[in-house]
């Protein structure tokens, strides 16, 4: 089954922030590589999006409708609704994400 992947507007901002950070602190080659991998993860959610797992921060508060995939240390957080996959955020997993996830996903 093929799903339609919908990238929420905030995700573009997340990706830009990650790209800019890597560009400033590493290299344009590394920034391009990481951006490409994160975009690839988002785009491949059209096939087998169920392969992700529930983020532990959300599982702790009994929220189970969001899944995540990793490109270490980054986390792609998404939700499946019927034949649509909504990508809600791409975050740096080194940050404390409990409050951020609650604010972004449970508003």
PDB file of N, CA and C in Angstrom:
ATOM      1  N   UNK A   1       0.842  -1.178   0.000  1.00  0.00           N
ATOM      2  CA  UNK A   1       0.000   0.000   0.000  1.00  0.00           C
ATOM      3  C   UNK A   1       0.891   1.245   0.000  1.00  0.00           C
ATOM      4  N   UNK A   2       0.543   2.206  -0.817  1.00  0.00           N
ATOM      5  CA  UNK A   2       1.278   3.463  -0.865  1.00  0.00           C
ATOM      6  C   UNK A   2       0.506   4.534  -0.099  1.00  0.00           C
ATOM      7  N   UNK A   3       1.233   5.282   0.703  1.00  0.00           N
ATOM      8  CA  UNK A   3       0.657   6.358   1.506  1.00  0.00           C
ATOM      9  C   UNK A   3       1.032   7.701   0.900  1.00  0.00           C
ATOM     10  N   UNK A   4       0.210   8.692   1.171  1.00  0.00           N
ATOM     11  CA  UNK A   4       0.528  10.060   0.780  1.00  0.00           C
ATOM     12  C   UNK A   4       1.257  10.703   1.957  1.00  0.00           C
ATOM     13  N   UNK A   5       2.451  11.229   1.718  1.00  0.00           N
ATOM     14  CA  UNK A   5       3.229  11.868   2.776  1.00  0.00           C
ATOM     15  C   UNK A   5       2.991  13.370   2.717  1.00  0.00           C
ATOM     16  N   UNK A   6       2.598  13.925   3.860  1.00  0.00           N
ATOM     17  CA  UNK A   6       2.327  15.359   3.970  1.00  0.00           C
ATOM     18  C   UNK A   6       3.308  15.941   4.988  1.00  0.00           C
ATOM     19  N   UNK A   7       4.110  16.870   4.532  1.00  0.00           N
ATOM     20  CA  UNK A   7       5.107  17.506   5.378  1.00  0.00           C
ATOM     21  C   UNK A   7       4.484  18.780   5.968  1.00  0.00           C
ATOM     22  N   UNK A   8       4.309  18.791   7.277  1.00  0.00           N
ATOM     23  CA  UNK A   8       3.757  19.967   7.959  1.00  0.00           C
ATOM     24  C   UNK A   8       4.754  21.117   7.829  1.00  0.00           C
ATOM     25  N   UNK A   9       4.242  22.345   7.750  1.00  0.00           N
ATOM     26  CA  UNK A   9       5.084  23.533   7.539  1.00  0.00           C
ATOM     27  C   UNK A   9       6.247  23.614   8.533  1.00  0.00           C
ATOM     28  N   UNK A  10       6.011  23.289   9.799  1.00  0.00           N
ATOM     29  CA  UNK A  10       7.068  23.369  10.819  1.00  0.00           C
ATOM     30  C   UNK A  10       8.275  22.501  10.470  1.00  0.00           C
ATOM     31  N   UNK A  11       8.067  21.420   9.742  1.00  0.00           N
ATOM     32  CA  UNK A  11       9.161  20.515   9.390  1.00  0.00           C
ATOM     33  C   UNK A  11      10.174  21.222   8.493  1.00  0.00           C
ATOM     34  N   UNK A  12       9.698  22.030   7.562  1.00  0.00           N
ATOM     35  CA  UNK A  12      10.629  22.766   6.699  1.00  0.00           C
ATOM     36  C   UNK A  12      11.521  23.670   7.540  1.00  0.00           C
ATOM     37  N   UNK A  13      10.944  24.286   8.556  1.00  0.00           N
ATOM     38  CA  UNK A  13      11.712  25.138   9.462  1.00  0.00           C
ATOM     39  C   UNK A  13      12.712  24.302  10.272  1.00  0.00           C
ATOM     40  N   UNK A  14      12.270  23.132  10.745  1.00  0.00           N
ATOM     41  CA  UNK A  14      13.169  22.231  11.471  1.00  0.00           C
ATOM     42  C   UNK A  14      14.371  21.866  10.613  1.00  0.00           C
ATOM     43  N   UNK A  15      14.106  21.462   9.374  1.00  0.00           N
ATOM     44  CA  UNK A  15      15.179  21.050   8.469  1.00  0.00           C
ATOM     45  C   UNK A  15      16.135  22.205   8.173  1.00  0.00           C
ATOM     46  N   UNK A  16      15.574  23.390   7.982  1.00  0.00           N
ATOM     47  CA  UNK A  16      16.407  24.564   7.718  1.00  0.00           C
ATOM     48  C   UNK A  16      17.305  24.856   8.925  1.00  0.00           C
ATOM     49  N   UNK A  17      16.740  24.766  10.145  1.00  0.00           N
ATOM     50  CA  UNK A  17      17.523  25.030  11.353  1.00  0.00           C
ATOM     51  C   UNK A  17      18.651  24.018  11.512  1.00  0.00           C
ATOM     52  N   UNK A  18      18.365  22.760  11.258  1.00  0.00           N
ATOM     53  CA  UNK A  18      19.390  21.715  11.348  1.00  0.00           C
ATOM     54  C   UNK A  18      20.477  21.964  10.308  1.00  0.00           C
ATOM     55  N   UNK A  19      20.061  22.251   9.079  1.00  0.00           N
ATOM     56  CA  UNK A  19      21.013  22.511   7.998  1.00  0.00           C
ATOM     57  C   UNK A  19      21.917  23.690   8.343  1.00  0.00           C
ATOM     58  N   UNK A  20      21.298  24.764   8.800  1.00  0.00           N
ATOM     59  CA  UNK A  20      22.057  25.982   9.131  1.00  0.00           C
ATOM     60  C   UNK A  20      23.051  25.718  10.267  1.00  0.00           C
ATOM     61  N   UNK A  21      22.616  24.977  11.268  1.00  0.00           N
ATOM     62  CA  UNK A  21      23.495  24.668  12.395  1.00  0.00           C
ATOM     63  C   UNK A  21      24.712  23.867  11.934  1.00  0.00           C
ATOM     64  N   UNK A  22      24.477  22.832  11.135  1.00  0.00           N
ATOM     65  CA  UNK A  22      25.597  22.005  10.655  1.00  0.00           C
ATOM     66  C   UNK A  22      26.508  22.823   9.746  1.00  0.00           C
ATOM     67  N   UNK A  23      25.921  23.655   8.915  1.00  0.00           N
ATOM     68  CA  UNK A  23      26.700  24.508   8.018  1.00  0.00           C
ATOM     69  C   UNK A  23      27.626  25.426   8.814  1.00  0.00           C
ATOM     70  N   UNK A  24      27.109  25.994   9.907  1.00  0.00           N
ATOM     71  CA  UNK A  24      27.901  26.916  10.725  1.00  0.00           C
ATOM     72  C   UNK A  24      28.952  26.201  11.571  1.00  0.00           C
ATOM     73  N   UNK A  25      28.669  24.955  11.986  1.00  0.00           N
ATOM     74  CA  UNK A  25      29.553  24.271  12.920  1.00  0.00           C
ATOM     75  C   UNK A  25      30.356  23.120  12.303  1.00  0.00           C
ATOM     76  N   UNK A  26      30.103  22.802  11.042  1.00  0.00           N
ATOM     77  CA  UNK A  26      30.841  21.707  10.409  1.00  0.00           C
ATOM     78  C   UNK A  26      31.183  22.116   8.983  1.00  0.00           C
ATOM     79  N   UNK A  27      30.451  21.600   8.001  1.00  0.00           N
ATOM     80  CA  UNK A  27      30.772  21.917   6.607  1.00  0.00           C
ATOM     81  C   UNK A  27      29.511  21.871   5.752  1.00  0.00           C
ATOM     82  N   UNK A  28      29.595  22.483   4.574  1.00  0.00           N
ATOM     83  CA  UNK A  28      28.452  22.445   3.667  1.00  0.00           C
ATOM     84  C   UNK A  28      28.213  21.019   3.174  1.00  0.00           C
ATOM     85  N   UNK A  29      29.281  20.242   3.007  1.00  0.00           N
ATOM     86  CA  UNK A  29      29.124  18.845   2.576  1.00  0.00           C
ATOM     87  C   UNK A  29      28.349  18.031   3.601  1.00  0.00           C
ATOM     88  N   UNK A  30      28.706  18.189   4.862  1.00  0.00           N
ATOM     89  CA  UNK A  30      28.011  17.465   5.935  1.00  0.00           C
ATOM     90  C   UNK A  30      26.563  17.943   6.052  1.00  0.00           C
ATOM     91  N   UNK A  31      26.331  19.248   5.939  1.00  0.00           N
ATOM     92  CA  UNK A  31      24.974  19.796   6.014  1.00  0.00           C
ATOM     93  C   UNK A  31      24.116  19.236   4.878  1.00  0.00           C
ATOM     94  N   UNK A  32      24.666  19.188   3.668  1.00  0.00           N
ATOM     95  CA  UNK A  32      23.941  18.629   2.520  1.00  0.00           C
ATOM     96  C   UNK A  32      23.627  17.153   2.738  1.00  0.00           C
ATOM     97  N   UNK A  33      24.598  16.409   3.274  1.00  0.00           N
ATOM     98  CA  UNK A  33      24.420  14.975   3.507  1.00  0.00           C
ATOM     99  C   UNK A  33      23.296  14.720   4.516  1.00  0.00           C
ATOM    100  N   UNK A  34      23.347  15.404   5.653  1.00  0.00           N
ATOM    101  CA  UNK A  34      22.341  15.204   6.694  1.00  0.00           C
ATOM    102  C   UNK A  34      20.964  15.619   6.187  1.00  0.00           C
ATOM    103  N   UNK A  35      20.879  16.761   5.524  1.00  0.00           N
ATOM    104  CA  UNK A  35      19.595  17.206   4.974  1.00  0.00           C
ATOM    105  C   UNK A  35      19.045  16.175   3.999  1.00  0.00           C
ATOM    106  N   UNK A  36      19.900  15.654   3.125  1.00  0.00           N
ATOM    107  CA  UNK A  36      19.466  14.646   2.158  1.00  0.00           C
ATOM    108  C   UNK A  36      18.941  13.388   2.835  1.00  0.00           C
ATOM    109  N   UNK A  37      19.617  12.933   3.873  1.00  0.00           N
ATOM    110  CA  UNK A  37      19.180  11.734   4.591  1.00  0.00           C
ATOM    111  C   UNK A  37      17.847  11.963   5.309  1.00  0.00           C
ATOM    112  N   UNK A  38      17.687  13.119   5.935  1.00  0.00           N
ATOM    113  CA  UNK A  38      16.429  13.413   6.627  1.00  0.00           C
ATOM    114  C   UNK A  38      15.273  13.531   5.642  1.00  0.00           C
ATOM    115  N   UNK A  39      15.509  14.169   4.514  1.00  0.00           N
ATOM    116  CA  UNK A  39      14.473  14.259   3.482  1.00  0.00           C
ATOM    117  C   UNK A  39      14.139  12.874   2.933  1.00  0.00           C
ATOM    118  N   UNK A  40      15.148  12.039   2.773  1.00  0.00           N
ATOM    119  CA  UNK A  40      14.941  10.670   2.290  1.00  0.00           C
ATOM    120  C   UNK A  40      14.046   9.880   3.250  1.00  0.00           C
ATOM    121  N   UNK A  41      14.310  10.009   4.553  1.00  0.00           N
ATOM    122  CA  UNK A  41      13.463   9.326   5.540  1.00  0.00           C
ATOM    123  C   UNK A  41      12.017   9.788   5.392  1.00  0.00           C
ATOM    124  N   UNK A  42      11.816  11.089   5.303  1.00  0.00           N
ATOM    125  CA  UNK A  42      10.453  11.622   5.150  1.00  0.00           C
ATOM    126  C   UNK A  42       9.796  11.070   3.890  1.00  0.00           C
ATOM    127  N   UNK A  43      10.522  11.075   2.795  1.00  0.00           N
ATOM    128  CA  UNK A  43       9.961  10.631   1.516  1.00  0.00           C
ATOM    129  C   UNK A  43       9.676   9.132   1.478  1.00  0.00           C
ATOM    130  N   UNK A  44      10.443   8.325   2.226  1.00  0.00           N
ATOM    131  CA  UNK A  44      10.210   6.886   2.200  1.00  0.00           C
ATOM    132  C   UNK A  44       9.057   6.459   3.105  1.00  0.00           C
ATOM    133  N   UNK A  45       8.464   7.406   3.801  1.00  0.00           N
ATOM    134  CA  UNK A  45       7.306   7.072   4.637  1.00  0.00           C
ATOM    135  C   UNK A  45       6.084   6.704   3.802  1.00  0.00           C
ATOM    136  N   UNK A  46       6.177   6.873   2.489  1.00  0.00           N
ATOM    137  CA  UNK A  46       5.061   6.454   1.638  1.00  0.00           C
ATOM    138  C   UNK A  46       4.953   4.932   1.568  1.00  0.00           C
ATOM    139  N   UNK A  47       5.995   4.241   1.997  1.00  0.00           N
ATOM    140  CA  UNK A  47       6.023   2.778   2.045  1.00  0.00           C
ATOM    141  C   UNK A  47       6.316   2.349   3.491  1.00  0.00           C
ATOM    142  N   UNK A  48       5.513   1.500   4.034  1.00  0.00           N
ATOM    143  CA  UNK A  48       5.712   0.921   5.366  1.00  0.00           C
ATOM    144  C   UNK A  48       5.948   1.939   6.490  1.00  0.00           C
ATOM    145  N   UNK A  49       5.094   2.926   6.632  1.00  0.00           N
ATOM    146  CA  UNK A  49       5.313   3.892   7.718  1.00  0.00           C
ATOM    147  C   UNK A  49       5.164   3.269   9.106  1.00  0.00           C
ATOM    148  N   UNK A  50       4.534   2.100   9.191  1.00  0.00           N
ATOM    149  CA  UNK A  50       4.345   1.435  10.477  1.00  0.00           C
ATOM    150  C   UNK A  50       5.667   0.948  11.071  1.00  0.00           C
ATOM    151  N   UNK A  51       6.759   1.015  10.304  1.00  0.00           N
ATOM    152  CA  UNK A  51       8.046   0.521  10.786  1.00  0.00           C
ATOM    153  C   UNK A  51       8.618   1.365  11.926  1.00  0.00           C
ATOM    154  N   UNK A  52       8.078   2.542  12.153  1.00  0.00           N
ATOM    155  CA  UNK A  52       8.560   3.394  13.239  1.00  0.00           C
ATOM    156  C   UNK A  52       8.094   2.892  14.592  1.00  0.00           C
ATOM    157  N   UNK A  53       8.516   3.575  15.630  1.00  0.00           N
ATOM    158  CA  UNK A  53       8.081   3.220  16.983  1.00  0.00           C
ATOM    159  C   UNK A  53       7.599   4.468  17.719  1.00  0.00           C
ATOM    160  N   UNK A  54       6.854   4.259  18.776  1.00  0.00           N
ATOM    161  CA  UNK A  54       6.312   5.374  19.559  1.00  0.00           C
ATOM    162  C   UNK A  54       7.459   6.030  20.327  1.00  0.00           C
ATOM    163  N   UNK A  55       7.592   7.357  20.241  1.00  0.00           N
ATOM    164  CA  UNK A  55       8.641   8.035  21.012  1.00  0.00           C
ATOM    165  C   UNK A  55       8.447   7.780  22.507  1.00  0.00           C
ATOM    166  N   UNK A  56       9.515   7.420  23.227  1.00  0.00           N
ATOM    167  CA  UNK A  56       9.390   7.097  24.651  1.00  0.00           C
ATOM    168  C   UNK A  56       8.771   8.235  25.469  1.00  0.00           C
ATOM    169  N   UNK A  57       9.080   9.488  25.099  1.00  0.00           N
ATOM    170  CA  UNK A  57       8.533  10.632  25.829  1.00  0.00           C
ATOM    171  C   UNK A  57       7.015  10.672  25.735  1.00  0.00           C
ATOM    172  N   UNK A  58       6.484  10.230  24.598  1.00  0.00           N
ATOM    173  CA  UNK A  58       5.031  10.232  24.422  1.00  0.00           C
ATOM    174  C   UNK A  58       4.409   8.976  25.025  1.00  0.00           C
ATOM    175  N   UNK A  59       5.108   7.871  24.926  1.00  0.00           N
ATOM    176  CA  UNK A  59       4.609   6.630  25.536  1.00  0.00           C
ATOM    177  C   UNK A  59       4.399   6.831  27.035  1.00  0.00           C
ATOM    178  N   UNK A  60       5.319   7.564  27.683  1.00  0.00           N
ATOM    179  CA  UNK A  60       5.222   7.810  29.129  1.00  0.00           C
ATOM    180  C   UNK A  60       3.952   8.542  29.519  1.00  0.00           C
ATOM    181  N   UNK A  61       3.413   9.344  28.604  1.00  0.00           N
ATOM    182  CA  UNK A  61       2.176  10.084  28.923  1.00  0.00           C
ATOM    183  C   UNK A  61       0.980   9.482  28.174  1.00  0.00           C
ATOM    184  N   UNK A  62       1.118   8.230  27.762  1.00  0.00           N
ATOM    185  CA  UNK A  62       0.048   7.443  27.125  1.00  0.00           C
ATOM    186  C   UNK A  62      -0.447   8.026  25.811  1.00  0.00           C
ATOM    187  N   UNK A  63       0.456   8.645  25.045  1.00  0.00           N
ATOM    188  CA  UNK A  63       0.131   9.123  23.701  1.00  0.00           C
ATOM    189  C   UNK A  63       0.777   8.155  22.727  1.00  0.00           C
ATOM    190  N   UNK A  64      -0.061   7.473  21.929  1.00  0.00           N
ATOM    191  CA  UNK A  64       0.486   6.416  21.086  1.00  0.00           C
ATOM    192  C   UNK A  64       0.182   6.589  19.599  1.00  0.00           C
ATOM    193  N   UNK A  65      -0.308   7.742  19.192  1.00  0.00           N
ATOM    194  CA  UNK A  65      -0.654   7.909  17.780  1.00  0.00           C
ATOM    195  C   UNK A  65       0.483   8.502  16.944  1.00  0.00           C
ATOM    196  N   UNK A  66       1.643   8.765  17.560  1.00  0.00           N
ATOM    197  CA  UNK A  66       2.792   9.283  16.830  1.00  0.00           C
ATOM    198  C   UNK A  66       3.887   8.227  16.805  1.00  0.00           C
ATOM    199  N   UNK A  67       4.617   8.193  15.701  1.00  0.00           N
ATOM    200  CA  UNK A  67       5.738   7.272  15.545  1.00  0.00           C
ATOM    201  C   UNK A  67       6.990   8.076  15.207  1.00  0.00           C
ATOM    202  N   UNK A  68       8.127   7.416  15.294  1.00  0.00           N
ATOM    203  CA  UNK A  68       9.373   8.093  14.935  1.00  0.00           C
ATOM    204  C   UNK A  68      10.328   7.139  14.239  1.00  0.00           C
ATOM    205  N   UNK A  69      11.149   7.739  13.391  1.00  0.00           N
ATOM    206  CA  UNK A  69      12.289   7.066  12.780  1.00  0.00           C
ATOM    207  C   UNK A  69      13.512   7.911  13.083  1.00  0.00           C
ATOM    208  N   UNK A  70      14.674   7.274  13.106  1.00  0.00           N
ATOM    209  CA  UNK A  70      15.910   7.965  13.472  1.00  0.00           C
ATOM    210  C   UNK A  70      16.902   8.022  12.326  1.00  0.00           C
ATOM    211  N   UNK A  71      17.583   9.124  12.250  1.00  0.00           N
ATOM    212  CA  UNK A  71      18.856   9.248  11.561  1.00  0.00           C
ATOM    213  C   UNK A  71      19.727   9.936  12.600  1.00  0.00           C
ATOM    214  N   UNK A  72      20.406   9.122  13.392  1.00  0.00           N
ATOM    215  CA  UNK A  72      21.086   9.584  14.605  1.00  0.00           C
ATOM    216  C   UNK A  72      21.890  10.841  14.358  1.00  0.00           C
ATOM    217  N   UNK A  73      21.740  11.823  15.222  1.00  0.00           N
ATOM    218  CA  UNK A  73      20.910  11.879  16.416  1.00  0.00           C
ATOM    219  C   UNK A  73      19.520  12.462  16.154  1.00  0.00           C
ATOM    220  N   UNK A  74      19.130  12.578  14.894  1.00  0.00           N
ATOM    221  CA  UNK A  74      17.876  13.251  14.561  1.00  0.00           C
ATOM    222  C   UNK A  74      16.702  12.288  14.579  1.00  0.00           C
ATOM    223  N   UNK A  75      15.536  12.832  14.887  1.00  0.00           N
ATOM    224  CA  UNK A  75      14.314  12.038  15.007  1.00  0.00           C
ATOM    225  C   UNK A  75      13.226  12.660  14.133  1.00  0.00           C
ATOM    226  N   UNK A  76      12.621  11.847  13.298  1.00  0.00           N
ATOM    227  CA  UNK A  76      11.507  12.264  12.443  1.00  0.00           C
ATOM    228  C   UNK A  76      10.230  11.750  13.120  1.00  0.00           C
ATOM    229  N   UNK A  77       9.368  12.671  13.534  1.00  0.00           N
ATOM    230  CA  UNK A  77       8.141  12.331  14.254  1.00  0.00           C
ATOM    231  C   UNK A  77       6.960  12.494  13.297  1.00  0.00           C
ATOM    232  N   UNK A  78       6.141  11.454  13.210  1.00  0.00           N
ATOM    233  CA  UNK A  78       5.036  11.484  12.250  1.00  0.00           C
ATOM    234  C   UNK A  78       3.830  10.726  12.783  1.00  0.00           C
ATOM    235  N   UNK A  79       2.740  10.854  12.042  1.00  0.00           N
ATOM    236  CA  UNK A  79       1.461  10.259  12.421  1.00  0.00           C
ATOM    237  C   UNK A  79       0.814   9.667  11.174  1.00  0.00           C
ATOM    238  N   UNK A  80       0.204   8.514  11.318  1.00  0.00           N
ATOM    239  CA  UNK A  80      -0.497   7.872  10.209  1.00  0.00           C
ATOM    240  C   UNK A  80      -1.996   8.040  10.430  1.00  0.00           C
ATOM    241  N   UNK A  81      -2.678   8.575   9.419  1.00  0.00           N
ATOM    242  CA  UNK A  81      -4.139   8.703   9.450  1.00  0.00           C
ATOM    243  C   UNK A  81      -4.670   8.149   8.141  1.00  0.00           C
ATOM    244  N   UNK A  82      -5.234   6.959   8.192  1.00  0.00           N
ATOM    245  CA  UNK A  82      -5.712   6.315   6.965  1.00  0.00           C
ATOM    246  C   UNK A  82      -4.553   6.051   6.028  1.00  0.00           C
ATOM    247  N   UNK A  83      -4.643   6.609   4.817  1.00  0.00           N
ATOM    248  CA  UNK A  83      -3.577   6.438   3.821  1.00  0.00           C
ATOM    249  C   UNK A  83      -2.671   7.656   3.742  1.00  0.00           C
ATOM    250  N   UNK A  84      -2.716   8.500   4.780  1.00  0.00           N
ATOM    251  CA  UNK A  84      -1.869   9.693   4.822  1.00  0.00           C
ATOM    252  C   UNK A  84      -0.897   9.596   5.988  1.00  0.00           C
ATOM    253  N   UNK A  85       0.317  10.073   5.737  1.00  0.00           N
ATOM    254  CA  UNK A  85       1.337  10.161   6.779  1.00  0.00           C
ATOM    255  C   UNK A  85       1.674  11.636   6.934  1.00  0.00           C
ATOM    256  N   UNK A  86       1.461  12.163   8.134  1.00  0.00           N
ATOM    257  CA  UNK A  86       1.761  13.560   8.432  1.00  0.00           C
ATOM    258  C   UNK A  86       3.079  13.626   9.191  1.00  0.00           C
ATOM    259  N   UNK A  87       4.087  14.239   8.581  1.00  0.00           N
ATOM    260  CA  UNK A  87       5.370  14.437   9.252  1.00  0.00           C
ATOM    261  C   UNK A  87       5.245  15.736  10.036  1.00  0.00           C
ATOM    262  N   UNK A  88       5.367  15.628  11.373  1.00  0.00           N
ATOM    263  CA  UNK A  88       5.125  16.775  12.254  1.00  0.00           C
ATOM    264  C   UNK A  88       6.387  17.515  12.661  1.00  0.00           C
ATOM    265  N   UNK A  89       7.503  16.806  12.820  1.00  0.00           N
ATOM    266  CA  UNK A  89       8.727  17.492  13.212  1.00  0.00           C
ATOM    267  C   UNK A  89       9.951  16.619  12.973  1.00  0.00           C
ATOM    268  N   UNK A  90      11.072  17.296  12.810  1.00  0.00           N
ATOM    269  CA  UNK A  90      12.377  16.653  12.727  1.00  0.00           C
ATOM    270  C   UNK A  90      13.230  17.351  13.776  1.00  0.00           C
ATOM    271  N   UNK A  91      13.662  16.580  14.784  1.00  0.00           N
ATOM    272  CA  UNK A  91      14.293  17.180  15.947  1.00  0.00           C
ATOM    273  C   UNK A  91      15.636  16.531  16.254  1.00  0.00           C
ATOM    274  N   UNK A  92      16.477  17.286  16.920  1.00  0.00           N
ATOM    275  CA  UNK A  92      17.762  16.780  17.378  1.00  0.00           C
ATOM    276  C   UNK A  92      17.525  15.978  18.649  1.00  0.00           C
ATOM    277  N   UNK A  93      17.813  14.688  18.609  1.00  0.00           N
ATOM    278  CA  UNK A  93      17.564  13.810  19.736  1.00  0.00           C
ATOM    279  C   UNK A  93      18.454  14.063  20.935  1.00  0.00           C
ATOM    280  N   UNK A  94      19.452  14.919  20.807  1.00  0.00           N
ATOM    281  CA  UNK A  94      20.318  15.234  21.941  1.00  0.00           C
ATOM    282  C   UNK A  94      19.678  16.256  22.863  1.00  0.00           C
ATOM    283  N   UNK A  95      18.596  16.860  22.405  1.00  0.00           N
ATOM    284  CA  UNK A  95      17.898  17.843  23.232  1.00  0.00           C
ATOM    285  C   UNK A  95      16.897  17.149  24.140  1.00  0.00           C
ATOM    286  N   UNK A  96      16.507  17.823  25.212  1.00  0.00           N
ATOM    287  CA  UNK A  96      15.441  17.318  26.070  1.00  0.00           C
ATOM    288  C   UNK A  96      14.141  17.582  25.323  1.00  0.00           C
ATOM    289  N   UNK A  97      13.481  16.518  24.899  1.00  0.00           N
ATOM    290  CA  UNK A  97      12.359  16.681  23.982  1.00  0.00           C
ATOM    291  C   UNK A  97      10.981  16.558  24.622  1.00  0.00           C
ATOM    292  N   UNK A  98      10.901  16.188  25.881  1.00  0.00           N
ATOM    293  CA  UNK A  98       9.593  15.974  26.508  1.00  0.00           C
ATOM    294  C   UNK A  98       8.678  17.194  26.325  1.00  0.00           C
ATOM    295  N   UNK A  99       9.104  18.352  26.791  1.00  0.00           N
ATOM    296  CA  UNK A  99       8.269  19.553  26.697  1.00  0.00           C
ATOM    297  C   UNK A  99       8.033  19.971  25.254  1.00  0.00           C
ATOM    298  N   UNK A 100       9.078  19.894  24.446  1.00  0.00           N
ATOM    299  CA  UNK A 100       8.961  20.287  23.041  1.00  0.00           C
ATOM    300  C   UNK A 100       7.940  19.423  22.311  1.00  0.00           C
ATOM    301  N   UNK A 101       8.000  18.123  22.506  1.00  0.00           N
ATOM    302  CA  UNK A 101       7.036  17.231  21.849  1.00  0.00           C
ATOM    303  C   UNK A 101       5.617  17.517  22.325  1.00  0.00           C
ATOM    304  N   UNK A 102       5.455  17.723  23.609  1.00  0.00           N
ATOM    305  CA  UNK A 102       4.119  18.016  24.127  1.00  0.00           C
ATOM    306  C   UNK A 102       3.589  19.316  23.536  1.00  0.00           C
ATOM    307  N   UNK A 103       4.435  20.348  23.461  1.00  0.00           N
ATOM    308  CA  UNK A 103       3.983  21.635  22.892  1.00  0.00           C
ATOM    309  C   UNK A 103       3.662  21.527  21.408  1.00  0.00           C
ATOM    310  N   UNK A 104       4.523  20.844  20.652  1.00  0.00           N
ATOM    311  CA  UNK A 104       4.352  20.787  19.206  1.00  0.00           C
ATOM    312  C   UNK A 104       3.253  19.824  18.771  1.00  0.00           C
ATOM    313  N   UNK A 105       3.097  18.707  19.472  1.00  0.00           N
ATOM    314  CA  UNK A 105       2.177  17.674  18.999  1.00  0.00           C
ATOM    315  C   UNK A 105       0.839  17.668  19.721  1.00  0.00           C
ATOM    316  N   UNK A 106       0.798  18.171  20.908  1.00  0.00           N
ATOM    317  CA  UNK A 106      -0.422  18.049  21.708  1.00  0.00           C
ATOM    318  C   UNK A 106      -1.096  19.380  21.935  1.00  0.00           C
ATOM    319  N   UNK A 107      -0.904  20.318  21.028  1.00  0.00           N
ATOM    320  CA  UNK A 107      -1.524  21.636  21.186  1.00  0.00           C
ATOM    321  C   UNK A 107      -2.965  21.621  20.827  1.00  0.00           C
TER     322      UNK A 107
END
